[in-house]
N, C-alpha and C. Protein backbone atom coordinates (compact mmCIF):
# COMPACT_ATOMS: atom_id res chain seq x y z
N MET A 1 7.66 -80.77 -1.79
CA MET A 1 7.80 -80.55 -3.22
C MET A 1 6.88 -81.51 -3.98
N PRO A 2 6.05 -81.04 -4.92
CA PRO A 2 5.14 -81.91 -5.66
C PRO A 2 5.89 -83.01 -6.39
N GLU A 3 5.24 -84.16 -6.50
CA GLU A 3 5.89 -85.30 -7.14
C GLU A 3 6.19 -85.03 -8.61
N TRP A 4 5.24 -84.31 -9.29
CA TRP A 4 5.46 -84.03 -10.70
C TRP A 4 6.70 -83.18 -10.92
N PHE A 5 6.93 -82.24 -9.97
CA PHE A 5 8.11 -81.39 -10.10
C PHE A 5 9.38 -82.19 -9.88
N SER A 6 9.35 -83.08 -8.88
CA SER A 6 10.52 -83.91 -8.60
C SER A 6 10.85 -84.79 -9.80
N ASN A 7 9.82 -85.38 -10.40
CA ASN A 7 10.04 -86.24 -11.56
C ASN A 7 10.61 -85.44 -12.73
N TRP A 8 10.04 -84.25 -12.95
CA TRP A 8 10.52 -83.40 -14.04
C TRP A 8 11.97 -82.97 -13.79
N TRP A 9 12.25 -82.54 -12.56
CA TRP A 9 13.60 -82.06 -12.22
C TRP A 9 14.64 -83.17 -12.36
N ASN A 10 14.29 -84.35 -11.89
CA ASN A 10 15.22 -85.48 -11.96
C ASN A 10 15.45 -85.96 -13.39
N SER A 11 14.52 -85.62 -14.28
CA SER A 11 14.68 -86.03 -15.67
C SER A 11 15.65 -85.13 -16.44
N LEU A 12 16.01 -83.98 -15.83
CA LEU A 12 16.91 -83.04 -16.48
C LEU A 12 18.37 -83.46 -16.30
N THR A 13 19.19 -83.04 -17.25
CA THR A 13 20.63 -83.26 -17.12
C THR A 13 21.18 -82.27 -16.08
N PRO A 14 22.34 -82.56 -15.48
CA PRO A 14 22.92 -81.62 -14.52
C PRO A 14 23.12 -80.22 -15.11
N LEU A 15 23.53 -80.15 -16.38
CA LEU A 15 23.71 -78.84 -17.02
C LEU A 15 22.38 -78.10 -17.13
N ASN A 16 21.33 -78.82 -17.51
CA ASN A 16 20.03 -78.19 -17.63
C ASN A 16 19.50 -77.74 -16.28
N GLN A 17 19.74 -78.53 -15.24
CA GLN A 17 19.34 -78.13 -13.89
C GLN A 17 20.06 -76.85 -13.47
N THR A 18 21.34 -76.76 -13.85
CA THR A 18 22.11 -75.55 -13.53
C THR A 18 21.53 -74.34 -14.23
N PHE A 19 21.17 -74.49 -15.51
CA PHE A 19 20.58 -73.38 -16.25
C PHE A 19 19.24 -72.96 -15.64
N TYR A 20 18.39 -73.90 -15.30
CA TYR A 20 17.10 -73.56 -14.71
C TYR A 20 17.27 -72.87 -13.35
N GLY A 21 18.18 -73.39 -12.54
CA GLY A 21 18.41 -72.78 -11.23
C GLY A 21 18.92 -71.35 -11.35
N ALA A 22 19.88 -71.16 -12.28
CA ALA A 22 20.41 -69.81 -12.49
C ALA A 22 19.35 -68.89 -13.08
N ALA A 23 18.50 -69.44 -13.97
CA ALA A 23 17.44 -68.62 -14.57
C ALA A 23 16.48 -68.11 -13.51
N ALA A 24 16.11 -68.98 -12.57
CA ALA A 24 15.21 -68.56 -11.49
C ALA A 24 15.87 -67.49 -10.63
N PHE A 25 17.16 -67.66 -10.36
CA PHE A 25 17.91 -66.71 -9.53
C PHE A 25 17.96 -65.33 -10.19
N PHE A 26 18.36 -65.28 -11.45
CA PHE A 26 18.48 -63.99 -12.14
C PHE A 26 17.12 -63.37 -12.44
N SER A 27 16.09 -64.19 -12.59
CA SER A 27 14.75 -63.66 -12.83
C SER A 27 14.27 -62.82 -11.65
N VAL A 28 14.61 -63.26 -10.44
CA VAL A 28 14.23 -62.50 -9.24
C VAL A 28 14.86 -61.11 -9.29
N PHE A 29 16.15 -61.05 -9.61
CA PHE A 29 16.83 -59.75 -9.68
C PHE A 29 16.30 -58.91 -10.83
N PHE A 30 15.97 -59.55 -11.95
CA PHE A 30 15.44 -58.81 -13.09
C PHE A 30 14.11 -58.15 -12.74
N LEU A 31 13.22 -58.91 -12.08
CA LEU A 31 11.92 -58.36 -11.69
C LEU A 31 12.08 -57.25 -10.66
N TRP A 32 13.02 -57.44 -9.75
CA TRP A 32 13.26 -56.40 -8.73
C TRP A 32 13.75 -55.11 -9.39
N GLN A 33 14.68 -55.23 -10.35
CA GLN A 33 15.17 -54.05 -11.06
C GLN A 33 14.06 -53.38 -11.86
N LEU A 34 13.19 -54.18 -12.47
CA LEU A 34 12.08 -53.64 -13.25
C LEU A 34 11.11 -52.87 -12.37
N VAL A 35 10.73 -53.46 -11.24
CA VAL A 35 9.81 -52.78 -10.32
C VAL A 35 10.45 -51.51 -9.77
N ALA A 36 11.74 -51.59 -9.41
CA ALA A 36 12.42 -50.42 -8.86
C ALA A 36 12.45 -49.28 -9.88
N ALA A 37 12.66 -49.62 -11.16
CA ALA A 37 12.69 -48.59 -12.19
C ALA A 37 11.31 -47.96 -12.39
N LEU A 38 10.27 -48.80 -12.34
CA LEU A 38 8.91 -48.30 -12.58
C LEU A 38 8.42 -47.38 -11.47
N ILE A 39 8.78 -47.70 -10.22
CA ILE A 39 8.29 -46.88 -9.12
C ILE A 39 9.29 -45.81 -8.71
N GLY A 40 10.45 -45.77 -9.41
CA GLY A 40 11.41 -44.69 -9.18
C GLY A 40 12.12 -44.75 -7.86
N LEU A 41 12.54 -45.95 -7.43
CA LEU A 41 13.30 -46.05 -6.19
C LEU A 41 14.64 -45.37 -6.36
N GLY A 42 15.19 -44.88 -5.28
CA GLY A 42 16.50 -44.25 -5.34
C GLY A 42 16.60 -43.02 -4.49
N GLY A 43 15.54 -42.68 -3.75
CA GLY A 43 15.66 -41.59 -2.79
C GLY A 43 15.53 -40.21 -3.38
N GLU A 44 14.83 -40.07 -4.51
CA GLU A 44 14.70 -38.74 -5.09
C GLU A 44 13.57 -37.93 -4.50
N GLY A 45 12.71 -38.57 -3.73
CA GLY A 45 11.56 -37.85 -3.21
C GLY A 45 11.93 -36.87 -2.13
N GLY A 46 11.15 -35.79 -2.02
CA GLY A 46 11.36 -34.84 -0.94
C GLY A 46 12.39 -33.80 -1.29
N ASP A 47 12.50 -32.78 -0.42
CA ASP A 47 13.44 -31.70 -0.62
C ASP A 47 14.54 -31.78 0.41
N VAL A 48 15.63 -31.09 0.12
CA VAL A 48 16.69 -30.92 1.10
C VAL A 48 16.95 -29.44 1.22
N ASP A 49 17.60 -29.04 2.31
CA ASP A 49 17.88 -27.64 2.52
C ASP A 49 18.90 -27.15 1.51
N ASP A 50 18.74 -25.93 1.05
CA ASP A 50 19.71 -25.35 0.14
C ASP A 50 21.01 -25.11 0.88
N VAL A 51 22.11 -25.03 0.14
CA VAL A 51 23.42 -24.81 0.74
C VAL A 51 23.80 -23.35 0.55
N GLY A 52 23.80 -22.60 1.63
CA GLY A 52 24.20 -21.22 1.57
C GLY A 52 23.36 -20.43 0.59
N ASP A 53 24.01 -19.47 -0.08
CA ASP A 53 23.34 -18.66 -1.09
C ASP A 53 23.43 -19.37 -2.42
N VAL A 54 22.28 -19.63 -3.01
CA VAL A 54 22.25 -20.33 -4.30
C VAL A 54 22.14 -19.30 -5.40
N ASP A 55 23.13 -19.31 -6.29
CA ASP A 55 23.15 -18.37 -7.41
C ASP A 55 22.74 -19.08 -8.67
N ASP A 56 21.84 -18.46 -9.42
CA ASP A 56 21.44 -19.01 -10.71
C ASP A 56 22.31 -18.36 -11.78
N VAL A 57 23.53 -18.89 -11.90
CA VAL A 57 24.51 -18.29 -12.79
C VAL A 57 24.77 -19.23 -13.94
N ASP A 58 24.81 -18.70 -15.15
CA ASP A 58 25.11 -19.51 -16.32
C ASP A 58 26.61 -19.53 -16.58
N TYR A 59 27.12 -20.72 -16.85
CA TYR A 59 28.52 -20.89 -17.18
C TYR A 59 28.60 -21.60 -18.52
N ASP A 60 29.68 -21.40 -19.21
CA ASP A 60 29.91 -22.15 -20.44
C ASP A 60 30.50 -23.49 -20.06
N ALA A 61 29.81 -24.55 -20.44
CA ALA A 61 30.29 -25.90 -20.12
C ALA A 61 30.78 -26.57 -21.39
N GLU A 62 31.81 -27.35 -21.25
CA GLU A 62 32.35 -28.06 -22.41
C GLU A 62 31.44 -29.23 -22.73
N VAL A 63 31.07 -29.32 -23.99
CA VAL A 63 30.22 -30.42 -24.45
C VAL A 63 31.01 -31.18 -25.50
N ASP A 64 31.28 -32.45 -25.29
CA ASP A 64 32.03 -33.22 -26.26
C ASP A 64 31.31 -34.52 -26.58
N ALA A 65 31.83 -35.21 -27.60
CA ALA A 65 31.18 -36.44 -28.07
C ALA A 65 31.19 -37.52 -27.00
N ALA A 66 32.20 -37.52 -26.12
CA ALA A 66 32.28 -38.55 -25.09
C ALA A 66 31.08 -38.50 -24.16
N ASP A 67 30.60 -37.32 -23.84
CA ASP A 67 29.44 -37.20 -22.96
C ASP A 67 28.20 -37.76 -23.63
N ALA A 68 28.05 -37.52 -24.93
CA ALA A 68 26.89 -38.03 -25.65
C ALA A 68 26.91 -39.55 -25.70
N VAL A 69 28.10 -40.12 -25.93
CA VAL A 69 28.22 -41.57 -25.97
C VAL A 69 27.96 -42.16 -24.60
N ALA A 70 28.44 -41.48 -23.55
CA ALA A 70 28.28 -42.00 -22.19
C ALA A 70 26.83 -42.07 -21.77
N SER A 71 25.97 -41.24 -22.37
CA SER A 71 24.56 -41.25 -22.00
C SER A 71 23.89 -42.57 -22.39
N PHE A 72 24.47 -43.26 -23.39
CA PHE A 72 23.98 -44.59 -23.74
C PHE A 72 24.86 -45.59 -23.01
N LYS A 73 24.35 -46.11 -21.91
CA LYS A 73 25.14 -46.97 -21.04
C LYS A 73 24.79 -48.43 -21.30
N LEU A 74 25.59 -49.07 -22.19
CA LEU A 74 25.33 -50.46 -22.53
C LEU A 74 25.59 -51.38 -21.35
N VAL A 75 26.71 -51.16 -20.66
CA VAL A 75 27.06 -52.02 -19.53
C VAL A 75 26.60 -51.36 -18.24
N SER A 76 25.56 -51.90 -17.65
CA SER A 76 25.04 -51.42 -16.38
C SER A 76 24.52 -52.62 -15.61
N ILE A 77 24.13 -52.39 -14.36
CA ILE A 77 23.60 -53.48 -13.55
C ILE A 77 22.37 -54.08 -14.22
N ARG A 78 21.47 -53.22 -14.72
CA ARG A 78 20.25 -53.71 -15.35
C ARG A 78 20.55 -54.55 -16.59
N SER A 79 21.47 -54.06 -17.44
CA SER A 79 21.74 -54.77 -18.68
C SER A 79 22.47 -56.09 -18.42
N ILE A 80 23.35 -56.11 -17.41
CA ILE A 80 24.05 -57.35 -17.08
C ILE A 80 23.07 -58.39 -16.55
N ILE A 81 22.16 -57.95 -15.67
CA ILE A 81 21.14 -58.87 -15.15
C ILE A 81 20.26 -59.38 -16.29
N SER A 82 19.93 -58.49 -17.23
CA SER A 82 19.11 -58.89 -18.38
C SER A 82 19.83 -59.93 -19.22
N PHE A 83 21.14 -59.74 -19.41
CA PHE A 83 21.92 -60.70 -20.19
C PHE A 83 21.84 -62.09 -19.56
N PHE A 84 22.13 -62.17 -18.27
CA PHE A 84 22.16 -63.48 -17.62
C PHE A 84 20.75 -64.09 -17.50
N THR A 85 19.74 -63.23 -17.37
CA THR A 85 18.37 -63.76 -17.30
C THR A 85 18.00 -64.46 -18.61
N LEU A 86 18.22 -63.78 -19.74
CA LEU A 86 17.89 -64.38 -21.04
C LEU A 86 18.86 -65.50 -21.41
N PHE A 87 20.12 -65.35 -21.04
CA PHE A 87 21.11 -66.39 -21.33
C PHE A 87 20.75 -67.70 -20.63
N THR A 88 20.42 -67.62 -19.35
CA THR A 88 20.13 -68.84 -18.59
C THR A 88 18.80 -69.47 -19.01
N TRP A 89 17.78 -68.62 -19.24
CA TRP A 89 16.51 -69.16 -19.71
C TRP A 89 16.65 -69.77 -21.10
N GLY A 90 17.41 -69.11 -21.96
CA GLY A 90 17.64 -69.64 -23.29
C GLY A 90 18.34 -70.99 -23.23
N GLY A 91 19.40 -71.08 -22.42
CA GLY A 91 20.11 -72.34 -22.29
C GLY A 91 19.23 -73.45 -21.76
N ALA A 92 18.42 -73.13 -20.74
CA ALA A 92 17.53 -74.14 -20.16
C ALA A 92 16.52 -74.65 -21.18
N LEU A 93 15.92 -73.74 -21.92
CA LEU A 93 14.87 -74.13 -22.87
C LEU A 93 15.45 -74.88 -24.08
N TYR A 94 16.58 -74.39 -24.61
CA TYR A 94 17.18 -75.06 -25.75
C TYR A 94 17.62 -76.48 -25.40
N LEU A 95 18.19 -76.65 -24.19
CA LEU A 95 18.57 -77.99 -23.74
C LEU A 95 17.33 -78.86 -23.55
N ASN A 96 16.27 -78.24 -23.04
CA ASN A 96 15.02 -78.97 -22.83
C ASN A 96 14.41 -79.44 -24.15
N TRP A 97 14.70 -78.68 -25.22
CA TRP A 97 14.18 -79.03 -26.54
C TRP A 97 15.10 -80.01 -27.28
N GLY A 98 16.14 -80.47 -26.59
CA GLY A 98 17.00 -81.48 -27.16
C GLY A 98 18.17 -80.97 -27.98
N GLN A 99 18.47 -79.67 -27.89
CA GLN A 99 19.60 -79.12 -28.64
C GLN A 99 20.92 -79.55 -27.99
N PRO A 100 21.98 -79.75 -28.77
CA PRO A 100 23.30 -80.05 -28.20
C PRO A 100 23.76 -78.90 -27.30
N SER A 101 24.60 -79.21 -26.34
CA SER A 101 25.05 -78.20 -25.38
C SER A 101 25.69 -77.00 -26.06
N SER A 102 26.57 -77.25 -27.04
CA SER A 102 27.26 -76.14 -27.70
C SER A 102 26.28 -75.24 -28.46
N THR A 103 25.30 -75.86 -29.11
CA THR A 103 24.29 -75.07 -29.83
C THR A 103 23.43 -74.27 -28.86
N ALA A 104 23.01 -74.91 -27.77
CA ALA A 104 22.18 -74.23 -26.78
C ALA A 104 22.90 -73.03 -26.18
N ILE A 105 24.17 -73.21 -25.85
CA ILE A 105 24.94 -72.11 -25.26
C ILE A 105 25.16 -70.99 -26.27
N GLY A 106 25.43 -71.37 -27.53
CA GLY A 106 25.62 -70.35 -28.57
C GLY A 106 24.39 -69.50 -28.78
N TYR A 107 23.22 -70.14 -28.90
CA TYR A 107 21.97 -69.40 -29.05
C TYR A 107 21.68 -68.55 -27.81
N SER A 108 22.03 -69.09 -26.65
CA SER A 108 21.75 -68.37 -25.40
C SER A 108 22.57 -67.09 -25.30
N VAL A 109 23.81 -67.15 -25.77
CA VAL A 109 24.65 -65.95 -25.77
C VAL A 109 24.02 -64.87 -26.66
N ILE A 110 23.50 -65.28 -27.81
CA ILE A 110 22.86 -64.32 -28.72
C ILE A 110 21.64 -63.69 -28.04
N TRP A 111 20.79 -64.52 -27.41
CA TRP A 111 19.63 -63.98 -26.69
C TRP A 111 20.06 -63.05 -25.56
N GLY A 112 21.11 -63.43 -24.85
CA GLY A 112 21.58 -62.59 -23.75
C GLY A 112 22.06 -61.23 -24.23
N LEU A 113 22.85 -61.23 -25.31
CA LEU A 113 23.35 -59.96 -25.86
C LEU A 113 22.22 -59.10 -26.39
N ALA A 114 21.23 -59.75 -27.02
CA ALA A 114 20.07 -59.01 -27.52
C ALA A 114 19.31 -58.36 -26.37
N GLY A 115 19.13 -59.10 -25.28
CA GLY A 115 18.44 -58.54 -24.12
C GLY A 115 19.22 -57.42 -23.48
N MET A 116 20.54 -57.60 -23.40
CA MET A 116 21.41 -56.58 -22.81
C MET A 116 21.32 -55.27 -23.58
N PHE A 117 21.40 -55.37 -24.93
CA PHE A 117 21.32 -54.17 -25.76
C PHE A 117 19.94 -53.54 -25.70
N SER A 118 18.90 -54.37 -25.70
CA SER A 118 17.52 -53.87 -25.69
C SER A 118 17.22 -53.10 -24.41
N VAL A 119 17.64 -53.65 -23.27
CA VAL A 119 17.39 -52.97 -22.00
C VAL A 119 18.14 -51.64 -21.94
N ALA A 120 19.41 -51.64 -22.40
CA ALA A 120 20.17 -50.40 -22.42
C ALA A 120 19.49 -49.37 -23.31
N LEU A 121 18.98 -49.81 -24.46
CA LEU A 121 18.30 -48.91 -25.39
C LEU A 121 17.00 -48.38 -24.80
N ILE A 122 16.24 -49.25 -24.13
CA ILE A 122 14.97 -48.84 -23.53
C ILE A 122 15.19 -47.76 -22.47
N PHE A 123 16.13 -48.00 -21.55
CA PHE A 123 16.36 -47.02 -20.49
C PHE A 123 17.00 -45.74 -21.02
N TRP A 124 17.79 -45.85 -22.07
CA TRP A 124 18.34 -44.65 -22.72
C TRP A 124 17.20 -43.83 -23.30
N GLY A 125 16.23 -44.52 -23.94
CA GLY A 125 15.08 -43.83 -24.50
C GLY A 125 14.21 -43.19 -23.43
N LEU A 126 14.03 -43.91 -22.31
CA LEU A 126 13.23 -43.36 -21.22
C LEU A 126 13.88 -42.11 -20.64
N ARG A 127 15.20 -42.12 -20.54
CA ARG A 127 15.89 -40.95 -20.01
C ARG A 127 15.77 -39.77 -20.97
N LYS A 128 15.77 -40.06 -22.27
CA LYS A 128 15.59 -38.99 -23.24
C LYS A 128 14.17 -38.42 -23.17
N LEU A 129 13.18 -39.30 -22.92
CA LEU A 129 11.80 -38.84 -22.83
C LEU A 129 11.59 -37.91 -21.64
N THR A 130 12.29 -38.18 -20.55
CA THR A 130 12.13 -37.33 -19.37
C THR A 130 12.64 -35.92 -19.62
N LYS A 131 13.51 -35.78 -20.65
CA LYS A 131 14.04 -34.46 -20.96
C LYS A 131 13.20 -33.73 -22.00
N ALA A 132 12.23 -34.44 -22.59
CA ALA A 132 11.40 -33.83 -23.63
C ALA A 132 10.42 -32.85 -23.01
N GLY A 133 9.95 -31.92 -23.84
CA GLY A 133 8.96 -30.96 -23.36
C GLY A 133 9.60 -29.84 -22.55
N THR A 134 8.79 -29.13 -21.80
CA THR A 134 9.27 -28.01 -21.02
C THR A 134 10.04 -28.48 -19.80
N SER A 135 11.24 -28.01 -19.64
CA SER A 135 12.04 -28.35 -18.47
C SER A 135 12.80 -27.12 -18.01
N ASP A 136 13.10 -27.07 -16.76
CA ASP A 136 13.80 -25.94 -16.18
C ASP A 136 14.71 -26.47 -15.08
N LEU A 137 16.01 -26.40 -15.31
CA LEU A 137 16.96 -26.95 -14.34
C LEU A 137 16.92 -26.19 -13.01
N ARG A 138 16.33 -25.01 -13.01
CA ARG A 138 16.22 -24.29 -11.73
C ARG A 138 15.31 -25.03 -10.76
N THR A 139 14.42 -25.87 -11.28
CA THR A 139 13.55 -26.65 -10.40
C THR A 139 14.30 -27.76 -9.69
N CYS A 140 15.54 -28.05 -10.14
CA CYS A 140 16.35 -29.08 -9.48
C CYS A 140 17.03 -28.55 -8.23
N ILE A 141 17.19 -27.26 -8.13
CA ILE A 141 17.95 -26.67 -7.03
C ILE A 141 17.32 -27.02 -5.68
N GLY A 142 18.15 -27.54 -4.79
CA GLY A 142 17.67 -27.93 -3.47
C GLY A 142 17.10 -29.33 -3.42
N LYS A 143 17.09 -30.02 -4.56
CA LYS A 143 16.52 -31.36 -4.61
C LYS A 143 17.61 -32.41 -4.39
N PRO A 144 17.26 -33.53 -3.75
CA PRO A 144 18.23 -34.63 -3.62
C PRO A 144 18.23 -35.47 -4.88
N GLY A 145 19.29 -36.19 -5.09
CA GLY A 145 19.37 -37.08 -6.24
C GLY A 145 20.47 -38.10 -6.04
N THR A 146 20.82 -38.77 -7.13
CA THR A 146 21.84 -39.81 -7.09
C THR A 146 22.70 -39.71 -8.34
N VAL A 147 24.00 -39.89 -8.17
CA VAL A 147 24.89 -39.90 -9.33
C VAL A 147 24.57 -41.14 -10.17
N TYR A 148 24.29 -40.94 -11.45
CA TYR A 148 23.96 -42.06 -12.34
C TYR A 148 25.18 -42.48 -13.16
N LEU A 149 25.86 -41.52 -13.77
CA LEU A 149 27.12 -41.77 -14.45
C LEU A 149 28.22 -41.06 -13.66
N ASP A 150 29.31 -41.76 -13.40
CA ASP A 150 30.40 -41.19 -12.60
C ASP A 150 30.73 -39.76 -13.01
N ILE A 151 30.90 -38.89 -12.00
CA ILE A 151 31.37 -37.53 -12.26
C ILE A 151 32.87 -37.52 -12.01
N PRO A 152 33.68 -37.44 -13.05
CA PRO A 152 35.14 -37.48 -12.85
C PRO A 152 35.64 -36.19 -12.21
N GLU A 153 36.85 -36.23 -11.73
CA GLU A 153 37.46 -35.04 -11.12
C GLU A 153 37.53 -33.93 -12.16
N ASP A 154 36.94 -32.79 -11.82
CA ASP A 154 36.88 -31.62 -12.70
C ASP A 154 36.22 -31.95 -14.04
N GLY A 155 35.32 -32.94 -14.04
CA GLY A 155 34.65 -33.32 -15.28
C GLY A 155 33.14 -33.33 -15.14
N VAL A 156 32.48 -33.85 -16.16
CA VAL A 156 31.02 -33.87 -16.21
C VAL A 156 30.52 -35.30 -16.19
N GLY A 157 29.51 -35.56 -15.36
CA GLY A 157 28.85 -36.86 -15.32
C GLY A 157 27.36 -36.67 -15.46
N GLU A 158 26.59 -37.51 -14.82
CA GLU A 158 25.14 -37.42 -14.92
C GLU A 158 24.50 -37.83 -13.61
N VAL A 159 23.45 -37.11 -13.21
CA VAL A 159 22.74 -37.41 -11.97
C VAL A 159 21.27 -37.66 -12.27
N ARG A 160 20.64 -38.40 -11.38
CA ARG A 160 19.20 -38.68 -11.46
C ARG A 160 18.51 -37.84 -10.39
N VAL A 161 17.64 -36.94 -10.82
CA VAL A 161 17.06 -35.96 -9.90
C VAL A 161 15.70 -35.52 -10.43
N MET A 162 14.87 -34.96 -9.53
CA MET A 162 13.57 -34.42 -9.94
C MET A 162 13.76 -33.09 -10.66
N GLU A 163 13.20 -33.02 -11.88
CA GLU A 163 13.25 -31.78 -12.65
C GLU A 163 11.87 -31.50 -13.21
N SER A 164 11.33 -30.34 -12.86
CA SER A 164 10.00 -29.95 -13.33
C SER A 164 8.95 -31.01 -13.01
N GLY A 165 9.11 -31.63 -11.84
CA GLY A 165 8.11 -32.60 -11.38
C GLY A 165 8.30 -34.02 -11.87
N VAL A 166 9.33 -34.28 -12.67
CA VAL A 166 9.57 -35.65 -13.16
C VAL A 166 11.02 -36.03 -12.88
N ILE A 167 11.27 -37.34 -12.78
CA ILE A 167 12.63 -37.82 -12.58
C ILE A 167 13.39 -37.68 -13.89
N SER A 168 14.51 -36.97 -13.85
CA SER A 168 15.29 -36.72 -15.05
C SER A 168 16.75 -37.10 -14.84
N TYR A 169 17.45 -37.26 -15.95
CA TYR A 169 18.88 -37.55 -15.92
C TYR A 169 19.58 -36.32 -16.48
N VAL A 170 20.36 -35.65 -15.62
CA VAL A 170 20.89 -34.33 -15.94
C VAL A 170 22.41 -34.34 -15.86
N ARG A 171 23.05 -33.65 -16.80
CA ARG A 171 24.50 -33.48 -16.74
C ARG A 171 24.86 -32.73 -15.47
N ALA A 172 25.98 -33.12 -14.84
CA ALA A 172 26.33 -32.50 -13.57
C ALA A 172 27.83 -32.44 -13.36
N ARG A 173 28.24 -31.40 -12.64
CA ARG A 173 29.62 -31.24 -12.19
C ARG A 173 29.64 -31.22 -10.67
N SER A 174 30.75 -31.67 -10.09
CA SER A 174 30.92 -31.59 -8.65
C SER A 174 31.29 -30.17 -8.26
N ALA A 175 30.71 -29.67 -7.16
CA ALA A 175 30.93 -28.28 -6.74
C ALA A 175 32.39 -27.98 -6.47
N HIS A 176 33.13 -28.98 -5.95
CA HIS A 176 34.52 -28.75 -5.58
C HIS A 176 35.48 -29.51 -6.49
N GLY A 177 34.98 -29.95 -7.62
CA GLY A 177 35.83 -30.65 -8.56
C GLY A 177 36.21 -32.06 -8.15
N LYS A 178 35.55 -32.58 -7.10
CA LYS A 178 35.88 -33.92 -6.62
C LYS A 178 35.19 -34.98 -7.46
N GLU A 179 35.80 -36.15 -7.51
CA GLU A 179 35.19 -37.28 -8.21
C GLU A 179 34.03 -37.83 -7.38
N LEU A 180 32.90 -38.09 -8.04
CA LEU A 180 31.73 -38.68 -7.39
C LEU A 180 31.34 -39.93 -8.16
N LYS A 181 31.33 -41.06 -7.46
CA LYS A 181 31.01 -42.33 -8.09
C LYS A 181 29.51 -42.51 -8.27
N ALA A 182 29.12 -43.34 -9.25
CA ALA A 182 27.72 -43.67 -9.47
C ALA A 182 27.12 -44.25 -8.20
N GLY A 183 25.91 -43.80 -7.86
CA GLY A 183 25.24 -44.25 -6.65
C GLY A 183 25.40 -43.32 -5.47
N THR A 184 26.29 -42.32 -5.58
CA THR A 184 26.50 -41.37 -4.49
C THR A 184 25.30 -40.44 -4.33
N PRO A 185 24.71 -40.34 -3.13
CA PRO A 185 23.61 -39.40 -2.91
C PRO A 185 24.14 -37.96 -3.02
N ILE A 186 23.41 -37.13 -3.73
CA ILE A 186 23.86 -35.74 -3.93
C ILE A 186 22.69 -34.78 -3.73
N GLY A 187 23.05 -33.51 -3.62
CA GLY A 187 22.06 -32.44 -3.62
C GLY A 187 22.46 -31.43 -4.68
N VAL A 188 21.49 -30.87 -5.39
CA VAL A 188 21.77 -29.88 -6.43
C VAL A 188 21.84 -28.51 -5.78
N VAL A 189 22.94 -27.79 -6.03
CA VAL A 189 23.11 -26.49 -5.39
C VAL A 189 22.88 -25.31 -6.34
N ARG A 190 23.12 -25.51 -7.63
CA ARG A 190 22.83 -24.42 -8.57
C ARG A 190 22.88 -24.93 -10.00
N ARG A 191 22.35 -24.11 -10.91
CA ARG A 191 22.39 -24.41 -12.33
C ARG A 191 23.62 -23.74 -12.93
N LEU A 192 24.35 -24.50 -13.73
CA LEU A 192 25.54 -23.93 -14.37
C LEU A 192 25.22 -23.39 -15.75
N ASP A 193 24.39 -24.11 -16.50
CA ASP A 193 23.93 -23.63 -17.80
C ASP A 193 22.61 -24.33 -18.11
N GLN A 194 22.20 -24.29 -19.36
CA GLN A 194 20.89 -24.83 -19.73
C GLN A 194 20.80 -26.35 -19.58
N THR A 195 21.94 -27.03 -19.51
CA THR A 195 21.92 -28.49 -19.47
C THR A 195 22.68 -29.10 -18.30
N THR A 196 23.32 -28.26 -17.49
CA THR A 196 24.22 -28.78 -16.46
C THR A 196 23.95 -28.14 -15.11
N VAL A 197 24.04 -28.95 -14.06
CA VAL A 197 23.88 -28.45 -12.70
C VAL A 197 25.14 -28.74 -11.90
N GLU A 198 25.25 -28.05 -10.77
CA GLU A 198 26.37 -28.27 -9.85
C GLU A 198 25.84 -29.00 -8.62
N VAL A 199 26.55 -30.03 -8.19
CA VAL A 199 26.06 -30.87 -7.10
C VAL A 199 27.13 -31.05 -6.04
N VAL A 200 26.69 -31.42 -4.84
CA VAL A 200 27.61 -31.79 -3.76
C VAL A 200 27.08 -33.07 -3.12
N PRO A 201 27.98 -33.87 -2.53
CA PRO A 201 27.51 -35.06 -1.81
C PRO A 201 26.59 -34.66 -0.68
N VAL A 202 25.60 -35.49 -0.36
CA VAL A 202 24.61 -35.18 0.65
C VAL A 202 25.25 -34.89 2.00
N GLU A 203 26.31 -35.65 2.36
CA GLU A 203 26.91 -35.46 3.68
C GLU A 203 27.47 -34.07 3.86
N GLU A 204 27.83 -33.39 2.73
CA GLU A 204 28.36 -32.03 2.83
C GLU A 204 27.26 -31.01 3.08
N GLU A 205 25.99 -31.45 2.88
CA GLU A 205 24.88 -30.51 3.08
C GLU A 205 24.39 -30.51 4.50
N GLU A 206 24.76 -31.56 5.27
CA GLU A 206 24.22 -31.71 6.63
C GLU A 206 24.99 -30.85 7.62
């Protein structure tokens, strides 16, 4: 370890050292989440076999305000990591600038909440952009994806899947009315209406 770093580190208070250490830790996760989002990690590439006979049948789906609100996901892994990244960096820097502990922590909470809201807003906007322009949910049929917002029993959630050549976030129902948690690998089996698809867990397709 360089001598200048040791001298600088030893000059910090224990609280400031804790903030810097936590900031470095959460920064790694923040960068990993950012890179993963940019390159579209999540297993959406490639096709899967269709399940039996796929019918392109339109159904009337219930659309309510709760679904619209759910599409803006303030509390998520990305937003939580963003909160702690800005919170810890803010605390470290404010303490380094000689601010009292209570003031540094108070300002850091504000920065953390601002980052949390901003990241949620950015990804909400990106998901809306993927739906802009010409789209056809029939292009999702036979494609693999991942549950993004929990699909409740006999309810509607949201999946991340390839639609018209781009990664999109699409309303979805479970084929058998079963609950599917966020992160569950799924396959799209048919379109229910202009905005909703029917999905099954990947293991049921094998």
